[in-house]
Amino acid sequence: MESFSDIQTILGLLAFIAICSVLKITSKTKRGYTKCMGIPEPSGALPFIGHLHLLGGEMPIVRTLGAMADKYGSFFSLKIGLHRMLVVSSWEMVKEFLA
């Protein structure tokens, strides 16, 4: 009997997560959120951690971001957790964004 209630609990949690995901997706599209067009983004973002797995490893984060800047240009987008982040690696571009 206990295993049946455990299965019900797990299925209930999965259904709750699925419903919350659908509601979050539909609420974003209704508000007019769109993906940033024209800003490059590395492929391979994982669902909850985003691009964090690309920043870990042997090399320091600064060198990893520098290598990404060489590959994607002077500014690009990263997904860190559930948030998007704009990485600007050119001094001239920083002046343009902050001016």
PDB file of N, CA and C in Angstrom:
ATOM      1  N   MET A   1       0.810  -1.185   0.000  1.00  0.00           N
ATOM      2  CA  MET A   1       0.000   0.000   0.000  1.00  0.00           C
ATOM      3  C   MET A   1       0.859   1.258   0.000  1.00  0.00           C
ATOM      4  N   GLU A   2       2.003   1.200   0.711  1.00  0.00           N
ATOM      5  CA  GLU A   2       2.859   2.367   0.781  1.00  0.00           C
ATOM      6  C   GLU A   2       3.466   2.691  -0.575  1.00  0.00           C
ATOM      7  N   SER A   3       3.821   1.662  -1.345  1.00  0.00           N
ATOM      8  CA  SER A   3       4.429   1.915  -2.655  1.00  0.00           C
ATOM      9  C   SER A   3       3.419   2.555  -3.607  1.00  0.00           C
ATOM     10  N   PHE A   4       2.135   2.207  -3.455  1.00  0.00           N
ATOM     11  CA  PHE A   4       1.111   2.825  -4.304  1.00  0.00           C
ATOM     12  C   PHE A   4       0.983   4.317  -3.993  1.00  0.00           C
ATOM     13  N   SER A   5       1.030   4.689  -2.719  1.00  0.00           N
ATOM     14  CA  SER A   5       0.942   6.109  -2.361  1.00  0.00           C
ATOM     15  C   SER A   5       2.211   6.853  -2.791  1.00  0.00           C
ATOM     16  N   ASP A   6       3.365   6.178  -2.761  1.00  0.00           N
ATOM     17  CA  ASP A   6       4.595   6.798  -3.251  1.00  0.00           C
ATOM     18  C   ASP A   6       4.503   7.070  -4.749  1.00  0.00           C
ATOM     19  N   ILE A   7       3.959   6.133  -5.487  1.00  0.00           N
ATOM     20  CA  ILE A   7       3.796   6.306  -6.936  1.00  0.00           C
ATOM     21  C   ILE A   7       2.818   7.437  -7.221  1.00  0.00           C
ATOM     22  N   GLN A   8       1.740   7.508  -6.444  1.00  0.00           N
ATOM     23  CA  GLN A   8       0.782   8.599  -6.613  1.00  0.00           C
ATOM     24  C   GLN A   8       1.438   9.949  -6.324  1.00  0.00           C
ATOM     25  N   THR A   9       2.251  10.008  -5.318  1.00  0.00           N
ATOM     26  CA  THR A   9       2.939  11.256  -4.978  1.00  0.00           C
ATOM     27  C   THR A   9       3.879  11.680  -6.100  1.00  0.00           C
ATOM     28  N   ILE A  10       4.640  10.751  -6.615  1.00  0.00           N
ATOM     29  CA  ILE A  10       5.575  11.054  -7.702  1.00  0.00           C
ATOM     30  C   ILE A  10       4.827  11.500  -8.948  1.00  0.00           C
ATOM     31  N   LEU A  11       3.760  10.792  -9.298  1.00  0.00           N
ATOM     32  CA  LEU A  11       2.969  11.184 -10.471  1.00  0.00           C
ATOM     33  C   LEU A  11       2.315  12.549 -10.268  1.00  0.00           C
ATOM     34  N   GLY A  12       1.869  12.834  -9.066  1.00  0.00           N
ATOM     35  CA  GLY A  12       1.290  14.144  -8.776  1.00  0.00           C
ATOM     36  C   GLY A  12       2.312  15.254  -8.920  1.00  0.00           C
ATOM     37  N   LEU A  13       3.516  15.027  -8.435  1.00  0.00           N
ATOM     38  CA  LEU A  13       4.576  16.028  -8.571  1.00  0.00           C
ATOM     39  C   LEU A  13       4.955  16.249 -10.032  1.00  0.00           C
ATOM     40  N   LEU A  14       5.043  15.167 -10.804  1.00  0.00           N
ATOM     41  CA  LEU A  14       5.346  15.304 -12.227  1.00  0.00           C
ATOM     42  C   LEU A  14       4.245  16.065 -12.959  1.00  0.00           C
ATOM     43  N   ALA A  15       2.994  15.785 -12.619  1.00  0.00           N
ATOM     44  CA  ALA A  15       1.885  16.510 -13.239  1.00  0.00           C
ATOM     45  C   ALA A  15       1.919  17.983 -12.854  1.00  0.00           C
ATOM     46  N   PHE A  16       2.234  18.281 -11.603  1.00  0.00           N
ATOM     47  CA  PHE A  16       2.336  19.664 -11.148  1.00  0.00           C
ATOM     48  C   PHE A  16       3.438  20.409 -11.892  1.00  0.00           C
ATOM     49  N   ILE A  17       4.597  19.778 -12.049  1.00  0.00           N
ATOM     50  CA  ILE A  17       5.708  20.399 -12.778  1.00  0.00           C
ATOM     51  C   ILE A  17       5.328  20.635 -14.235  1.00  0.00           C
ATOM     52  N   ALA A  18       4.655  19.658 -14.848  1.00  0.00           N
ATOM     53  CA  ALA A  18       4.248  19.812 -16.249  1.00  0.00           C
ATOM     54  C   ALA A  18       3.253  20.961 -16.406  1.00  0.00           C
ATOM     55  N   ILE A  19       2.299  21.056 -15.511  1.00  0.00           N
ATOM     56  CA  ILE A  19       1.303  22.136 -15.587  1.00  0.00           C
ATOM     57  C   ILE A  19       1.968  23.488 -15.384  1.00  0.00           C
ATOM     58  N   CYS A  20       2.873  23.588 -14.418  1.00  0.00           N
ATOM     59  CA  CYS A  20       3.586  24.861 -14.187  1.00  0.00           C
ATOM     60  C   CYS A  20       4.429  25.254 -15.400  1.00  0.00           C
ATOM     61  N   SER A  21       5.058  24.274 -16.034  1.00  0.00           N
ATOM     62  CA  SER A  21       5.869  24.566 -17.224  1.00  0.00           C
ATOM     63  C   SER A  21       5.000  25.089 -18.353  1.00  0.00           C
ATOM     64  N   VAL A  22       3.853  24.465 -18.573  1.00  0.00           N
ATOM     65  CA  VAL A  22       2.949  24.907 -19.645  1.00  0.00           C
ATOM     66  C   VAL A  22       2.437  26.305 -19.348  1.00  0.00           C
ATOM     67  N   LEU A  23       2.052  26.569 -18.110  1.00  0.00           N
ATOM     68  CA  LEU A  23       1.559  27.899 -17.757  1.00  0.00           C
ATOM     69  C   LEU A  23       2.640  28.959 -17.900  1.00  0.00           C
ATOM     70  N   LYS A  24       3.869  28.630 -17.565  1.00  0.00           N
ATOM     71  CA  LYS A  24       4.964  29.588 -17.686  1.00  0.00           C
ATOM     72  C   LYS A  24       5.241  29.896 -19.155  1.00  0.00           C
ATOM     73  N   ILE A  25       5.215  28.880 -20.002  1.00  0.00           N
ATOM     74  CA  ILE A  25       5.459  29.086 -21.431  1.00  0.00           C
ATOM     75  C   ILE A  25       4.352  29.928 -22.045  1.00  0.00           C
ATOM     76  N   THR A  26       3.097  29.642 -21.721  1.00  0.00           N
ATOM     77  CA  THR A  26       1.993  30.403 -22.307  1.00  0.00           C
ATOM     78  C   THR A  26       1.959  31.826 -21.778  1.00  0.00           C
ATOM     79  N   SER A  27       2.338  32.030 -20.509  1.00  0.00           N
ATOM     80  CA  SER A  27       2.326  33.399 -19.989  1.00  0.00           C
ATOM     81  C   SER A  27       3.426  34.233 -20.631  1.00  0.00           C
ATOM     82  N   LYS A  28       4.569  33.636 -20.965  1.00  0.00           N
ATOM     83  CA  LYS A  28       5.638  34.379 -21.625  1.00  0.00           C
ATOM     84  C   LYS A  28       5.237  34.775 -23.042  1.00  0.00           C
ATOM     85  N   THR A  29       4.558  33.885 -23.753  1.00  0.00           N
ATOM     86  CA  THR A  29       4.173  34.227 -25.122  1.00  0.00           C
ATOM     87  C   THR A  29       3.068  35.271 -25.135  1.00  0.00           C
ATOM     88  N   LYS A  30       2.200  35.287 -24.142  1.00  0.00           N
ATOM     89  CA  LYS A  30       1.140  36.289 -24.094  1.00  0.00           C
ATOM     90  C   LYS A  30       1.688  37.681 -23.802  1.00  0.00           C
ATOM     91  N   ARG A  31       2.744  37.750 -23.008  1.00  0.00           N
ATOM     92  CA  ARG A  31       3.320  39.040 -22.657  1.00  0.00           C
ATOM     93  C   ARG A  31       4.201  39.602 -23.763  1.00  0.00           C
ATOM     94  N   GLY A  32       4.496  38.819 -24.764  1.00  0.00           N
ATOM     95  CA  GLY A  32       5.273  39.325 -25.873  1.00  0.00           C
ATOM     96  C   GLY A  32       6.766  39.092 -25.756  1.00  0.00           C
ATOM     97  N   TYR A  33       7.193  38.223 -24.834  1.00  0.00           N
ATOM     98  CA  TYR A  33       8.604  37.912 -24.752  1.00  0.00           C
ATOM     99  C   TYR A  33       9.016  37.131 -25.991  1.00  0.00           C
ATOM    100  N   THR A  34      10.082  37.527 -26.578  1.00  0.00           N
ATOM    101  CA  THR A  34      10.607  36.785 -27.717  1.00  0.00           C
ATOM    102  C   THR A  34      12.091  36.567 -27.500  1.00  0.00           C
ATOM    103  N   LYS A  35      12.628  35.608 -28.188  1.00  0.00           N
ATOM    104  CA  LYS A  35      14.053  35.351 -28.105  1.00  0.00           C
ATOM    105  C   LYS A  35      14.792  36.490 -28.791  1.00  0.00           C
ATOM    106  N   CYS A  36      15.909  36.886 -28.228  1.00  0.00           N
ATOM    107  CA  CYS A  36      16.705  37.962 -28.803  1.00  0.00           C
ATOM    108  C   CYS A  36      17.166  37.549 -30.197  1.00  0.00           C
ATOM    109  N   MET A  37      16.720  38.275 -31.183  1.00  0.00           N
ATOM    110  CA  MET A  37      17.068  37.945 -32.555  1.00  0.00           C
ATOM    111  C   MET A  37      18.380  38.618 -32.911  1.00  0.00           C
ATOM    112  N   GLY A  38      19.253  37.898 -33.533  1.00  0.00           N
ATOM    113  CA  GLY A  38      20.495  38.458 -34.019  1.00  0.00           C
ATOM    114  C   GLY A  38      21.631  38.419 -33.019  1.00  0.00           C
ATOM    115  N   ILE A  39      21.367  38.083 -31.767  1.00  0.00           N
ATOM    116  CA  ILE A  39      22.434  37.976 -30.783  1.00  0.00           C
ATOM    117  C   ILE A  39      22.854  36.509 -30.720  1.00  0.00           C
ATOM    118  N   PRO A  40      24.114  36.221 -31.025  1.00  0.00           N
ATOM    119  CA  PRO A  40      24.541  34.818 -31.018  1.00  0.00           C
ATOM    120  C   PRO A  40      24.537  34.230 -29.613  1.00  0.00           C
ATOM    121  N   GLU A  41      24.287  32.935 -29.560  1.00  0.00           N
ATOM    122  CA  GLU A  41      24.254  32.212 -28.288  1.00  0.00           C
ATOM    123  C   GLU A  41      24.851  30.836 -28.508  1.00  0.00           C
ATOM    124  N   PRO A  42      25.739  30.380 -27.637  1.00  0.00           N
ATOM    125  CA  PRO A  42      26.299  29.039 -27.794  1.00  0.00           C
ATOM    126  C   PRO A  42      25.205  27.980 -27.705  1.00  0.00           C
ATOM    127  N   SER A  43      25.372  26.923 -28.440  1.00  0.00           N
ATOM    128  CA  SER A  43      24.394  25.841 -28.368  1.00  0.00           C
ATOM    129  C   SER A  43      24.702  24.960 -27.163  1.00  0.00           C
ATOM    130  N   GLY A  44      23.751  24.161 -26.776  1.00  0.00           N
ATOM    131  CA  GLY A  44      23.963  23.212 -25.695  1.00  0.00           C
ATOM    132  C   GLY A  44      23.507  23.676 -24.328  1.00  0.00           C
ATOM    133  N   ALA A  45      22.539  24.597 -24.261  1.00  0.00           N
ATOM    134  CA  ALA A  45      22.026  25.032 -22.962  1.00  0.00           C
ATOM    135  C   ALA A  45      21.163  23.922 -22.369  1.00  0.00           C
ATOM    136  N   LEU A  46      21.428  23.579 -21.124  1.00  0.00           N
ATOM    137  CA  LEU A  46      20.651  22.557 -20.435  1.00  0.00           C
ATOM    138  C   LEU A  46      19.438  23.203 -19.765  1.00  0.00           C
ATOM    139  N   PRO A  47      18.371  22.437 -19.500  1.00  0.00           N
ATOM    140  CA  PRO A  47      17.116  23.030 -19.035  1.00  0.00           C
ATOM    141  C   PRO A  47      17.197  23.902 -17.792  1.00  0.00           C
ATOM    142  N   PHE A  48      17.821  23.475 -16.723  1.00  0.00           N
ATOM    143  CA  PHE A  48      17.793  24.266 -15.490  1.00  0.00           C
ATOM    144  C   PHE A  48      19.086  25.023 -15.220  1.00  0.00           C
ATOM    145  N   ILE A  49      20.193  24.541 -15.741  1.00  0.00           N
ATOM    146  CA  ILE A  49      21.461  25.209 -15.446  1.00  0.00           C
ATOM    147  C   ILE A  49      21.955  26.064 -16.598  1.00  0.00           C
ATOM    148  N   GLY A  50      21.340  25.959 -17.744  1.00  0.00           N
ATOM    149  CA  GLY A  50      21.724  26.784 -18.881  1.00  0.00           C
ATOM    150  C   GLY A  50      23.102  26.440 -19.399  1.00  0.00           C
ATOM    151  N   HIS A  51      23.964  27.441 -19.525  1.00  0.00           N
ATOM    152  CA  HIS A  51      25.317  27.254 -20.052  1.00  0.00           C
ATOM    153  C   HIS A  51      26.366  27.121 -18.952  1.00  0.00           C
ATOM    154  N   LEU A  52      25.958  26.889 -17.715  1.00  0.00           N
ATOM    155  CA  LEU A  52      26.928  26.793 -16.624  1.00  0.00           C
ATOM    156  C   LEU A  52      27.942  25.684 -16.845  1.00  0.00           C
ATOM    157  N   HIS A  53      27.525  24.596 -17.480  1.00  0.00           N
ATOM    158  CA  HIS A  53      28.455  23.496 -17.707  1.00  0.00           C
ATOM    159  C   HIS A  53      29.567  23.886 -18.685  1.00  0.00           C
ATOM    160  N   LEU A  54      29.336  24.898 -19.526  1.00  0.00           N
ATOM    161  CA  LEU A  54      30.376  25.362 -20.440  1.00  0.00           C
ATOM    162  C   LEU A  54      31.421  26.208 -19.719  1.00  0.00           C
ATOM    163  N   LEU A  55      31.060  26.810 -18.593  1.00  0.00           N
ATOM    164  CA  LEU A  55      31.968  27.686 -17.870  1.00  0.00           C
ATOM    165  C   LEU A  55      32.859  26.936 -16.885  1.00  0.00           C
ATOM    166  N   GLY A  56      32.525  25.708 -16.562  1.00  0.00           N
ATOM    167  CA  GLY A  56      33.343  24.925 -15.648  1.00  0.00           C
ATOM    168  C   GLY A  56      34.463  24.226 -16.391  1.00  0.00           C
ATOM    169  N   GLY A  57      35.405  23.710 -15.669  1.00  0.00           N
ATOM    170  CA  GLY A  57      36.485  22.971 -16.295  1.00  0.00           C
ATOM    171  C   GLY A  57      37.846  23.442 -15.821  1.00  0.00           C
ATOM    172  N   GLU A  58      38.860  23.085 -16.584  1.00  0.00           N
ATOM    173  CA  GLU A  58      40.248  23.384 -16.214  1.00  0.00           C
ATOM    174  C   GLU A  58      40.586  24.864 -16.378  1.00  0.00           C
ATOM    175  N   MET A  59      40.103  25.476 -17.473  1.00  0.00           N
ATOM    176  CA  MET A  59      40.459  26.875 -17.754  1.00  0.00           C
ATOM    177  C   MET A  59      39.675  27.824 -16.848  1.00  0.00           C
ATOM    178  N   PRO A  60      40.278  28.972 -16.514  1.00  0.00           N
ATOM    179  CA  PRO A  60      39.519  29.992 -15.763  1.00  0.00           C
ATOM    180  C   PRO A  60      38.357  30.523 -16.602  1.00  0.00           C
ATOM    181  N   ILE A  61      37.350  31.035 -15.933  1.00  0.00           N
ATOM    182  CA  ILE A  61      36.150  31.522 -16.615  1.00  0.00           C
ATOM    183  C   ILE A  61      36.496  32.638 -17.597  1.00  0.00           C
ATOM    184  N   VAL A  62      37.481  33.462 -17.251  1.00  0.00           N
ATOM    185  CA  VAL A  62      37.859  34.569 -18.115  1.00  0.00           C
ATOM    186  C   VAL A  62      38.352  34.059 -19.467  1.00  0.00           C
ATOM    187  N   ARG A  63      39.143  33.019 -19.445  1.00  0.00           N
ATOM    188  CA  ARG A  63      39.652  32.456 -20.710  1.00  0.00           C
ATOM    189  C   ARG A  63      38.540  31.770 -21.492  1.00  0.00           C
ATOM    190  N   THR A  64      37.625  31.116 -20.779  1.00  0.00           N
ATOM    191  CA  THR A  64      36.495  30.471 -21.448  1.00  0.00           C
ATOM    192  C   THR A  64      35.627  31.519 -22.138  1.00  0.00           C
ATOM    193  N   LEU A  65      35.332  32.612 -21.435  1.00  0.00           N
ATOM    194  CA  LEU A  65      34.534  33.687 -22.036  1.00  0.00           C
ATOM    195  C   LEU A  65      35.290  34.343 -23.192  1.00  0.00           C
ATOM    196  N   GLY A  66      36.608  34.465 -23.070  1.00  0.00           N
ATOM    197  CA  GLY A  66      37.416  35.014 -24.159  1.00  0.00           C
ATOM    198  C   GLY A  66      37.374  34.129 -25.397  1.00  0.00           C
ATOM    199  N   ALA A  67      37.429  32.815 -25.198  1.00  0.00           N
ATOM    200  CA  ALA A  67      37.329  31.891 -26.325  1.00  0.00           C
ATOM    201  C   ALA A  67      35.953  31.970 -26.979  1.00  0.00           C
ATOM    202  N   MET A  68      34.914  32.123 -26.155  1.00  0.00           N
ATOM    203  CA  MET A  68      33.564  32.286 -26.707  1.00  0.00           C
ATOM    204  C   MET A  68      33.456  33.594 -27.477  1.00  0.00           C
ATOM    205  N   ALA A  69      34.103  34.652 -26.970  1.00  0.00           N
ATOM    206  CA  ALA A  69      34.081  35.938 -27.670  1.00  0.00           C
ATOM    207  C   ALA A  69      34.797  35.831 -29.007  1.00  0.00           C
ATOM    208  N   ASP A  70      35.885  35.081 -29.062  1.00  0.00           N
ATOM    209  CA  ASP A  70      36.567  34.864 -30.342  1.00  0.00           C
ATOM    210  C   ASP A  70      35.675  34.122 -31.325  1.00  0.00           C
ATOM    211  N   LYS A  71      34.875  33.204 -30.815  1.00  0.00           N
ATOM    212  CA  LYS A  71      34.021  32.388 -31.683  1.00  0.00           C
ATOM    213  C   LYS A  71      32.731  33.116 -32.087  1.00  0.00           C
ATOM    214  N   TYR A  72      32.078  33.830 -31.131  1.00  0.00           N
ATOM    215  CA  TYR A  72      30.752  34.395 -31.377  1.00  0.00           C
ATOM    216  C   TYR A  72      30.748  35.903 -31.610  1.00  0.00           C
ATOM    217  N   GLY A  73      31.838  36.582 -31.359  1.00  0.00           N
ATOM    218  CA  GLY A  73      31.886  38.020 -31.601  1.00  0.00           C
ATOM    219  C   GLY A  73      32.026  38.809 -30.317  1.00  0.00           C
ATOM    220  N   SER A  74      31.967  40.131 -30.438  1.00  0.00           N
ATOM    221  CA  SER A  74      32.246  40.993 -29.292  1.00  0.00           C
ATOM    222  C   SER A  74      31.118  41.038 -28.267  1.00  0.00           C
ATOM    223  N   PHE A  75      29.922  40.608 -28.625  1.00  0.00           N
ATOM    224  CA  PHE A  75      28.873  40.435 -27.622  1.00  0.00           C
ATOM    225  C   PHE A  75      28.028  39.238 -27.998  1.00  0.00           C
ATOM    226  N   PHE A  76      27.626  38.490 -26.964  1.00  0.00           N
ATOM    227  CA  PHE A  76      26.829  37.285 -27.162  1.00  0.00           C
ATOM    228  C   PHE A  76      25.999  37.047 -25.912  1.00  0.00           C
ATOM    229  N   SER A  77      25.071  36.138 -26.010  1.00  0.00           N
ATOM    230  CA  SER A  77      24.134  35.867 -24.927  1.00  0.00           C
ATOM    231  C   SER A  77      24.444  34.505 -24.308  1.00  0.00           C
ATOM    232  N   LEU A  78      24.354  34.433 -22.994  1.00  0.00           N
ATOM    233  CA  LEU A  78      24.479  33.173 -22.266  1.00  0.00           C
ATOM    234  C   LEU A  78      23.250  32.995 -21.392  1.00  0.00           C
ATOM    235  N   LYS A  79      22.879  31.760 -21.177  1.00  0.00           N
ATOM    236  CA  LYS A  79      21.782  31.453 -20.269  1.00  0.00           C
ATOM    237  C   LYS A  79      22.400  30.896 -18.991  1.00  0.00           C
ATOM    238  N   ILE A  80      22.254  31.629 -17.902  1.00  0.00           N
ATOM    239  CA  ILE A  80      22.796  31.218 -16.614  1.00  0.00           C
ATOM    240  C   ILE A  80      21.612  30.899 -15.711  1.00  0.00           C
ATOM    241  N   GLY A  81      21.427  29.631 -15.442  1.00  0.00           N
ATOM    242  CA  GLY A  81      20.240  29.205 -14.706  1.00  0.00           C
ATOM    243  C   GLY A  81      19.016  29.441 -15.570  1.00  0.00           C
ATOM    244  N   LEU A  82      18.069  30.191 -15.087  1.00  0.00           N
ATOM    245  CA  LEU A  82      16.870  30.508 -15.863  1.00  0.00           C
ATOM    246  C   LEU A  82      16.925  31.912 -16.462  1.00  0.00           C
ATOM    247  N   HIS A  83      18.027  32.621 -16.263  1.00  0.00           N
ATOM    248  CA  HIS A  83      18.148  34.001 -16.720  1.00  0.00           C
ATOM    249  C   HIS A  83      19.114  34.112 -17.896  1.00  0.00           C
ATOM    250  N   ARG A  84      18.842  35.065 -18.767  1.00  0.00           N
ATOM    251  CA  ARG A  84      19.749  35.350 -19.884  1.00  0.00           C
ATOM    252  C   ARG A  84      20.700  36.459 -19.476  1.00  0.00           C
ATOM    253  N   MET A  85      21.911  36.373 -19.997  1.00  0.00           N
ATOM    254  CA  MET A  85      22.948  37.333 -19.664  1.00  0.00           C
ATOM    255  C   MET A  85      23.625  37.752 -20.957  1.00  0.00           C
ATOM    256  N   LEU A  86      23.859  39.039 -21.109  1.00  0.00           N
ATOM    257  CA  LEU A  86      24.562  39.556 -22.277  1.00  0.00           C
ATOM    258  C   LEU A  86      26.015  39.769 -21.893  1.00  0.00           C
ATOM    259  N   VAL A  87      26.913  39.119 -22.627  1.00  0.00           N
ATOM    260  CA  VAL A  87      28.344  39.243 -22.370  1.00  0.00           C
ATOM    261  C   VAL A  87      28.914  40.182 -23.425  1.00  0.00           C
ATOM    262  N   VAL A  88      29.541  41.263 -22.970  1.00  0.00           N
ATOM    263  CA  VAL A  88      30.142  42.248 -23.866  1.00  0.00           C
ATOM    264  C   VAL A  88      31.641  42.225 -23.611  1.00  0.00           C
ATOM    265  N   SER A  89      32.424  41.953 -24.651  1.00  0.00           N
ATOM    266  CA  SER A  89      33.860  41.787 -24.446  1.00  0.00           C
ATOM    267  C   SER A  89      34.692  42.860 -25.131  1.00  0.00           C
ATOM    268  N   SER A  90      34.089  43.809 -25.759  1.00  0.00           N
ATOM    269  CA  SER A  90      34.817  44.861 -26.454  1.00  0.00           C
ATOM    270  C   SER A  90      34.606  46.184 -25.723  1.00  0.00           C
ATOM    271  N   TRP A  91      35.698  46.903 -25.491  1.00  0.00           N
ATOM    272  CA  TRP A  91      35.619  48.176 -24.786  1.00  0.00           C
ATOM    273  C   TRP A  91      34.737  49.169 -25.536  1.00  0.00           C
ATOM    274  N   GLU A  92      34.824  49.168 -26.852  1.00  0.00           N
ATOM    275  CA  GLU A  92      34.000  50.080 -27.655  1.00  0.00           C
ATOM    276  C   GLU A  92      32.515  49.752 -27.510  1.00  0.00           C
ATOM    277  N   MET A  93      32.200  48.459 -27.478  1.00  0.00           N
ATOM    278  CA  MET A  93      30.802  48.055 -27.313  1.00  0.00           C
ATOM    279  C   MET A  93      30.289  48.417 -25.913  1.00  0.00           C
ATOM    280  N   VAL A  94      31.141  48.314 -24.902  1.00  0.00           N
ATOM    281  CA  VAL A  94      30.739  48.699 -23.547  1.00  0.00           C
ATOM    282  C   VAL A  94      30.411  50.191 -23.524  1.00  0.00           C
ATOM    283  N   LYS A  95      31.225  51.013 -24.193  1.00  0.00           N
ATOM    284  CA  LYS A  95      30.942  52.441 -24.260  1.00  0.00           C
ATOM    285  C   LYS A  95      29.600  52.699 -24.933  1.00  0.00           C
ATOM    286  N   GLU A  96      29.304  51.958 -26.012  1.00  0.00           N
ATOM    287  CA  GLU A  96      28.030  52.131 -26.723  1.00  0.00           C
ATOM    288  C   GLU A  96      26.847  51.742 -25.840  1.00  0.00           C
ATOM    289  N   PHE A  97      26.965  50.629 -25.099  1.00  0.00           N
ATOM    290  CA  PHE A  97      25.865  50.187 -24.250  1.00  0.00           C
ATOM    291  C   PHE A  97      25.635  51.112 -23.076  1.00  0.00           C
ATOM    292  N   LEU A  98      26.700  51.698 -22.529  1.00  0.00           N
ATOM    293  CA  LEU A  98      26.565  52.525 -21.335  1.00  0.00           C
ATOM    294  C   LEU A  98      26.416  54.014 -21.646  1.00  0.00           C
ATOM    295  N   ALA A  99      26.582  54.414 -22.892  1.00  0.00           N
ATOM    296  CA  ALA A  99      26.485  55.842 -23.235  1.00  0.00           C
ATOM    297  C   ALA A  99      25.051  56.297 -23.323  1.00  0.00           C
TER     298      ALA A  99
END
